[in-house]
Amino acid sequence: MKGLSKGIRKVEIALKWDPSPAGQPPTDLDVVAATYLTDDPQGDPAYVVHFDSRSPDGTIYLNRDSKDGKGFGWDEVLTVELERLDARYARVVVGVVIQQRPGRRTFVSVLNPAVRIREGYTDLAVDDFGGVLGATAATVAEFVRDPSDGWTFHPGLQGYEDDPATFTGIMGRLRRS
């Protein structure tokens, strides 16, 4: 029955955090997604989706973007329609970056951050970034296409200490421990 699996079809990645205390600069977290081609799944991303962008085919898009964590519930939401993603893509890696304005910020300085990854009403992963408190960015999920079973989800929080532009270029590379 292995070949009958449809795999994961459509996921939502949601972020939330509390606003900065009064008198402090706003905290801005951003969810980003990078796609990788079948012929180079560990190489450079084919394209990256982040605030003010979407995938060329409309399969990855930001539903909600917050620059300060104010509001109710989930502050930032990204949808990835894996079932519609062209066959030339083998991987999608999702990450979170902290905007580095006005100075260097890490997850330890973000009030009550959380990420939720779900398909429909099923939570695939929930995390509070406690394992990467000294990082300025983190990968939170990887989706890999299996030709016979569709898309599979690989959870895992991995921290980075890079600026947002550098992070989006390297977030999908294999890291050596």
C-alpha atoms as a PDB file:
ATOM      1  CA  MET A   1       0.000   0.000   0.000  1.00  0.00           C
ATOM      2  CA  LYS A   2       3.023   2.300   0.198  1.00  0.00           C
ATOM      3  CA  GLY A   3       2.419   3.766  -3.275  1.00  0.00           C
ATOM      4  CA  LEU A   4      -1.132   4.880  -2.414  1.00  0.00           C
ATOM      5  CA  SER A   5      -0.073   7.545   0.072  1.00  0.00           C
ATOM      6  CA  LYS A   6      -0.923  11.064  -0.991  1.00  0.00           C
ATOM      7  CA  GLY A   7       1.601  12.545   1.412  1.00  0.00           C
ATOM      8  CA  ILE A   8       1.260  16.009   2.830  1.00  0.00           C
ATOM      9  CA  ARG A   9      -0.714  18.273   0.534  1.00  0.00           C
ATOM     10  CA  LYS A  10      -1.073  21.761   2.019  1.00  0.00           C
ATOM     11  CA  VAL A  11       0.531  23.163   5.157  1.00  0.00           C
ATOM     12  CA  GLU A  12       0.329  26.322   7.191  1.00  0.00           C
ATOM     13  CA  ILE A  13       3.299  27.680   9.099  1.00  0.00           C
ATOM     14  CA  ALA A  14       2.279  30.221  11.748  1.00  0.00           C
ATOM     15  CA  LEU A  15       4.388  32.432  14.031  1.00  0.00           C
ATOM     16  CA  LYS A  16       3.448  34.425  17.075  1.00  0.00           C
ATOM     17  CA  TRP A  17       5.285  36.542  19.590  1.00  0.00           C
ATOM     18  CA  ASP A  18       4.470  39.252  22.084  1.00  0.00           C
ATOM     19  CA  PRO A  19       5.164  42.906  21.295  1.00  0.00           C
ATOM     20  CA  SER A  20       8.280  44.555  22.720  1.00  0.00           C
ATOM     21  CA  PRO A  21       7.882  46.353  26.052  1.00  0.00           C
ATOM     22  CA  ALA A  22       6.925  50.025  25.940  1.00  0.00           C
ATOM     23  CA  GLY A  23       9.825  52.213  24.914  1.00  0.00           C
ATOM     24  CA  GLN A  24      11.680  49.373  23.179  1.00  0.00           C
ATOM     25  CA  PRO A  25      12.030  48.979  19.393  1.00  0.00           C
ATOM     26  CA  PRO A  26       9.486  46.590  17.844  1.00  0.00           C
ATOM     27  CA  THR A  27      10.423  42.943  17.351  1.00  0.00           C
ATOM     28  CA  ASP A  28       9.873  41.672  13.794  1.00  0.00           C
ATOM     29  CA  LEU A  29       9.995  37.958  12.996  1.00  0.00           C
ATOM     30  CA  ASP A  30       9.552  36.723   9.432  1.00  0.00           C
ATOM     31  CA  VAL A  31       8.710  33.278   8.124  1.00  0.00           C
ATOM     32  CA  VAL A  32      10.523  32.351   4.895  1.00  0.00           C
ATOM     33  CA  ALA A  33      10.363  29.368   2.550  1.00  0.00           C
ATOM     34  CA  ALA A  34      12.938  28.225   0.007  1.00  0.00           C
ATOM     35  CA  THR A  35      12.421  25.718  -2.799  1.00  0.00           C
ATOM     36  CA  TYR A  36      15.118  23.384  -4.140  1.00  0.00           C
ATOM     37  CA  LEU A  37      15.244  21.718  -7.538  1.00  0.00           C
ATOM     38  CA  THR A  38      15.194  17.958  -8.060  1.00  0.00           C
ATOM     39  CA  ASP A  39      18.571  18.043  -9.826  1.00  0.00           C
ATOM     40  CA  ASP A  40      20.210  20.044  -6.970  1.00  0.00           C
ATOM     41  CA  PRO A  41      18.185  19.487  -3.772  1.00  0.00           C
ATOM     42  CA  GLN A  42      21.022  20.590  -1.455  1.00  0.00           C
ATOM     43  CA  GLY A  43      22.243  23.524  -3.573  1.00  0.00           C
ATOM     44  CA  ASP A  44      21.107  27.100  -3.898  1.00  0.00           C
ATOM     45  CA  PRO A  45      17.378  27.762  -3.586  1.00  0.00           C
ATOM     46  CA  ALA A  46      15.421  28.055  -6.834  1.00  0.00           C
ATOM     47  CA  TYR A  47      13.491  30.882  -5.181  1.00  0.00           C
ATOM     48  CA  VAL A  48      12.740  32.217  -1.698  1.00  0.00           C
ATOM     49  CA  VAL A  49       9.368  33.454  -0.480  1.00  0.00           C
ATOM     50  CA  HIS A  50       9.311  36.072   2.286  1.00  0.00           C
ATOM     51  CA  PHE A  51       7.458  39.260   3.185  1.00  0.00           C
ATOM     52  CA  ASP A  52       6.497  41.248   0.074  1.00  0.00           C
ATOM     53  CA  SER A  53       6.860  38.178  -2.168  1.00  0.00           C
ATOM     54  CA  ARG A  54       5.192  34.952  -3.213  1.00  0.00           C
ATOM     55  CA  SER A  55       6.171  32.003  -5.339  1.00  0.00           C
ATOM     56  CA  PRO A  56       6.042  32.524  -9.122  1.00  0.00           C
ATOM     57  CA  ASP A  57       3.212  29.974  -9.434  1.00  0.00           C
ATOM     58  CA  GLY A  58       1.284  31.115  -6.330  1.00  0.00           C
ATOM     59  CA  THR A  59       1.790  27.866  -4.372  1.00  0.00           C
ATOM     60  CA  ILE A  60       3.652  29.531  -1.478  1.00  0.00           C
ATOM     61  CA  TYR A  61       2.281  32.763  -0.066  1.00  0.00           C
ATOM     62  CA  LEU A  62       2.162  34.859   3.075  1.00  0.00           C
ATOM     63  CA  ASN A  63      -1.375  35.235   4.452  1.00  0.00           C
ATOM     64  CA  ARG A  64      -0.464  37.518   7.312  1.00  0.00           C
ATOM     65  CA  ASP A  65       2.623  39.638   8.039  1.00  0.00           C
ATOM     66  CA  SER A  66       3.355  41.430  11.296  1.00  0.00           C
ATOM     67  CA  LYS A  67       6.160  43.891  11.933  1.00  0.00           C
ATOM     68  CA  ASP A  68       5.658  44.094  15.699  1.00  0.00           C
ATOM     69  CA  GLY A  69       3.801  41.066  17.122  1.00  0.00           C
ATOM     70  CA  LYS A  70       0.726  43.136  17.950  1.00  0.00           C
ATOM     71  CA  GLY A  71      -2.597  41.506  17.373  1.00  0.00           C
ATOM     72  CA  PHE A  72      -4.457  38.425  18.500  1.00  0.00           C
ATOM     73  CA  GLY A  73      -3.430  34.869  17.831  1.00  0.00           C
ATOM     74  CA  TRP A  74      -0.867  34.040  15.165  1.00  0.00           C
ATOM     75  CA  ASP A  75       0.955  37.126  13.898  1.00  0.00           C
ATOM     76  CA  GLU A  76       2.453  35.750  10.693  1.00  0.00           C
ATOM     77  CA  VAL A  77       1.094  32.898   8.539  1.00  0.00           C
ATOM     78  CA  LEU A  78       2.611  31.248   5.446  1.00  0.00           C
ATOM     79  CA  THR A  79       0.758  28.690   3.316  1.00  0.00           C
ATOM     80  CA  VAL A  80       2.582  26.083   1.222  1.00  0.00           C
ATOM     81  CA  GLU A  81       0.480  24.162  -1.308  1.00  0.00           C
ATOM     82  CA  LEU A  82       2.795  21.195  -1.819  1.00  0.00           C
ATOM     83  CA  GLU A  83       0.280  19.270  -3.935  1.00  0.00           C
ATOM     84  CA  ARG A  84       0.398  22.030  -6.575  1.00  0.00           C
ATOM     85  CA  LEU A  85       4.174  22.551  -6.548  1.00  0.00           C
ATOM     86  CA  ASP A  86       5.763  21.638  -9.886  1.00  0.00           C
ATOM     87  CA  ALA A  87       7.535  18.258 -10.124  1.00  0.00           C
ATOM     88  CA  ARG A  88      10.895  19.970 -10.705  1.00  0.00           C
ATOM     89  CA  TYR A  89      11.002  20.865  -6.991  1.00  0.00           C
ATOM     90  CA  ALA A  90      12.254  18.209  -4.558  1.00  0.00           C
ATOM     91  CA  ARG A  91      12.440  20.143  -1.268  1.00  0.00           C
ATOM     92  CA  VAL A  92      10.936  23.070   0.549  1.00  0.00           C
ATOM     93  CA  VAL A  93      12.731  24.372   3.641  1.00  0.00           C
ATOM     94  CA  VAL A  94      10.941  26.771   5.984  1.00  0.00           C
ATOM     95  CA  GLY A  95      12.702  29.101   8.380  1.00  0.00           C
ATOM     96  CA  VAL A  96      12.202  32.052  10.684  1.00  0.00           C
ATOM     97  CA  VAL A  97      14.411  35.149  10.775  1.00  0.00           C
ATOM     98  CA  ILE A  98      14.552  37.993  13.263  1.00  0.00           C
ATOM     99  CA  GLN A  99      14.944  41.362  11.594  1.00  0.00           C
ATOM    100  CA  GLN A 100      18.135  42.910  12.926  1.00  0.00           C
ATOM    101  CA  ARG A 101      16.947  46.492  13.391  1.00  0.00           C
ATOM    102  CA  PRO A 102      18.103  48.497  15.246  1.00  0.00           C
ATOM    103  CA  GLY A 103      20.711  46.051  16.622  1.00  0.00           C
ATOM    104  CA  ARG A 104      21.549  42.360  16.896  1.00  0.00           C
ATOM    105  CA  ARG A 105      18.642  40.322  18.245  1.00  0.00           C
ATOM    106  CA  THR A 106      18.354  36.642  19.092  1.00  0.00           C
ATOM    107  CA  PHE A 107      15.414  34.457  20.093  1.00  0.00           C
ATOM    108  CA  VAL A 108      16.242  34.975  23.785  1.00  0.00           C
ATOM    109  CA  SER A 109      15.199  38.637  23.352  1.00  0.00           C
ATOM    110  CA  VAL A 110      11.868  37.788  21.682  1.00  0.00           C
ATOM    111  CA  LEU A 111       8.950  37.642  24.114  1.00  0.00           C
ATOM    112  CA  ASN A 112       6.999  34.350  23.975  1.00  0.00           C
ATOM    113  CA  PRO A 113       7.847  33.257  20.412  1.00  0.00           C
ATOM    114  CA  ALA A 114       6.134  30.183  18.980  1.00  0.00           C
ATOM    115  CA  VAL A 115       5.819  28.385  15.665  1.00  0.00           C
ATOM    116  CA  ARG A 116       3.069  25.983  14.628  1.00  0.00           C
ATOM    117  CA  ILE A 117       3.133  23.800  11.528  1.00  0.00           C
ATOM    118  CA  ARG A 118      -0.132  22.166  10.594  1.00  0.00           C
ATOM    119  CA  GLU A 119      -1.939  20.371   7.841  1.00  0.00           C
ATOM    120  CA  GLY A 120      -5.649  21.105   8.036  1.00  0.00           C
ATOM    121  CA  TYR A 121      -6.494  20.873  11.741  1.00  0.00           C
ATOM    122  CA  THR A 122      -3.613  18.535  12.563  1.00  0.00           C
ATOM    123  CA  ASP A 123      -0.569  20.042  14.242  1.00  0.00           C
ATOM    124  CA  LEU A 124       2.570  18.516  12.751  1.00  0.00           C
ATOM    125  CA  ALA A 125       4.903  20.473  15.054  1.00  0.00           C
ATOM    126  CA  VAL A 126       4.794  23.227  17.675  1.00  0.00           C
ATOM    127  CA  ASP A 127       7.893  24.847  19.180  1.00  0.00           C
ATOM    128  CA  ASP A 128       8.884  27.836  21.333  1.00  0.00           C
ATOM    129  CA  PHE A 129      12.458  28.308  19.960  1.00  0.00           C
ATOM    130  CA  GLY A 130      13.840  27.304  23.376  1.00  0.00           C
ATOM    131  CA  GLY A 131      16.488  25.143  21.712  1.00  0.00           C
ATOM    132  CA  VAL A 132      17.934  28.032  19.671  1.00  0.00           C
ATOM    133  CA  LEU A 133      17.820  30.989  22.068  1.00  0.00           C
ATOM    134  CA  GLY A 134      21.185  32.391  20.893  1.00  0.00           C
ATOM    135  CA  ALA A 135      20.268  32.248  17.193  1.00  0.00           C
ATOM    136  CA  THR A 136      19.153  35.097  14.930  1.00  0.00           C
ATOM    137  CA  ALA A 137      17.363  32.698  12.547  1.00  0.00           C
ATOM    138  CA  ALA A 138      16.244  29.070  12.500  1.00  0.00           C
ATOM    139  CA  THR A 139      14.975  26.447  10.132  1.00  0.00           C
ATOM    140  CA  VAL A 140      11.732  24.943  11.437  1.00  0.00           C
ATOM    141  CA  ALA A 141      10.683  22.398   8.807  1.00  0.00           C
ATOM    142  CA  GLU A 142      11.687  20.548   5.692  1.00  0.00           C
ATOM    143  CA  PHE A 143       9.312  18.992   3.191  1.00  0.00           C
ATOM    144  CA  VAL A 144      10.765  16.400   0.821  1.00  0.00           C
ATOM    145  CA  ARG A 145       9.094  14.952  -2.268  1.00  0.00           C
ATOM    146  CA  ASP A 146       9.110  11.182  -2.644  1.00  0.00           C
ATOM    147  CA  PRO A 147       8.057  10.231  -6.184  1.00  0.00           C
ATOM    148  CA  SER A 148       5.958   7.304  -4.943  1.00  0.00           C
ATOM    149  CA  ASP A 149       4.601   8.672  -1.652  1.00  0.00           C
ATOM    150  CA  GLY A 150       4.236  12.405  -2.200  1.00  0.00           C
ATOM    151  CA  TRP A 151       5.552  14.988   0.247  1.00  0.00           C
ATOM    152  CA  THR A 152       6.883  14.069   3.686  1.00  0.00           C
ATOM    153  CA  PHE A 153       7.489  16.347   6.647  1.00  0.00           C
ATOM    154  CA  HIS A 154      10.792  16.434   8.523  1.00  0.00           C
ATOM    155  CA  PRO A 155      10.551  18.522  11.693  1.00  0.00           C
ATOM    156  CA  GLY A 156      13.554  20.039  13.320  1.00  0.00           C
ATOM    157  CA  LEU A 157      14.618  23.337  14.748  1.00  0.00           C
ATOM    158  CA  GLN A 158      18.149  24.363  13.834  1.00  0.00           C
ATOM    159  CA  GLY A 159      19.591  27.738  14.758  1.00  0.00           C
ATOM    160  CA  TYR A 160      21.759  30.070  12.690  1.00  0.00           C
ATOM    161  CA  GLU A 161      23.626  33.247  13.573  1.00  0.00           C
ATOM    162  CA  ASP A 162      23.376  34.934  10.180  1.00  0.00           C
ATOM    163  CA  ASP A 163      21.682  38.056   8.899  1.00  0.00           C
ATOM    164  CA  PRO A 164      18.388  37.482   7.028  1.00  0.00           C
ATOM    165  CA  ALA A 165      19.906  37.746   3.515  1.00  0.00           C
ATOM    166  CA  THR A 166      22.714  35.268   4.252  1.00  0.00           C
ATOM    167  CA  PHE A 167      20.346  32.890   6.056  1.00  0.00           C
ATOM    168  CA  THR A 168      17.972  32.567   3.092  1.00  0.00           C
ATOM    169  CA  GLY A 169      20.899  31.591   0.870  1.00  0.00           C
ATOM    170  CA  ILE A 170      22.211  28.853   3.174  1.00  0.00           C
ATOM    171  CA  MET A 171      19.175  27.600   5.087  1.00  0.00           C
ATOM    172  CA  GLY A 172      18.741  24.508   2.916  1.00  0.00           C
ATOM    173  CA  ARG A 173      22.352  23.326   2.887  1.00  0.00           C
ATOM    174  CA  LEU A 174      23.401  20.272   4.851  1.00  0.00           C
ATOM    175  CA  ARG A 175      25.115  21.322   8.047  1.00  0.00           C
ATOM    176  CA  ARG A 176      27.919  19.418   9.662  1.00  0.00           C
ATOM    177  CA  SER A 177      27.757  19.188  13.452  1.00  0.00           C
END
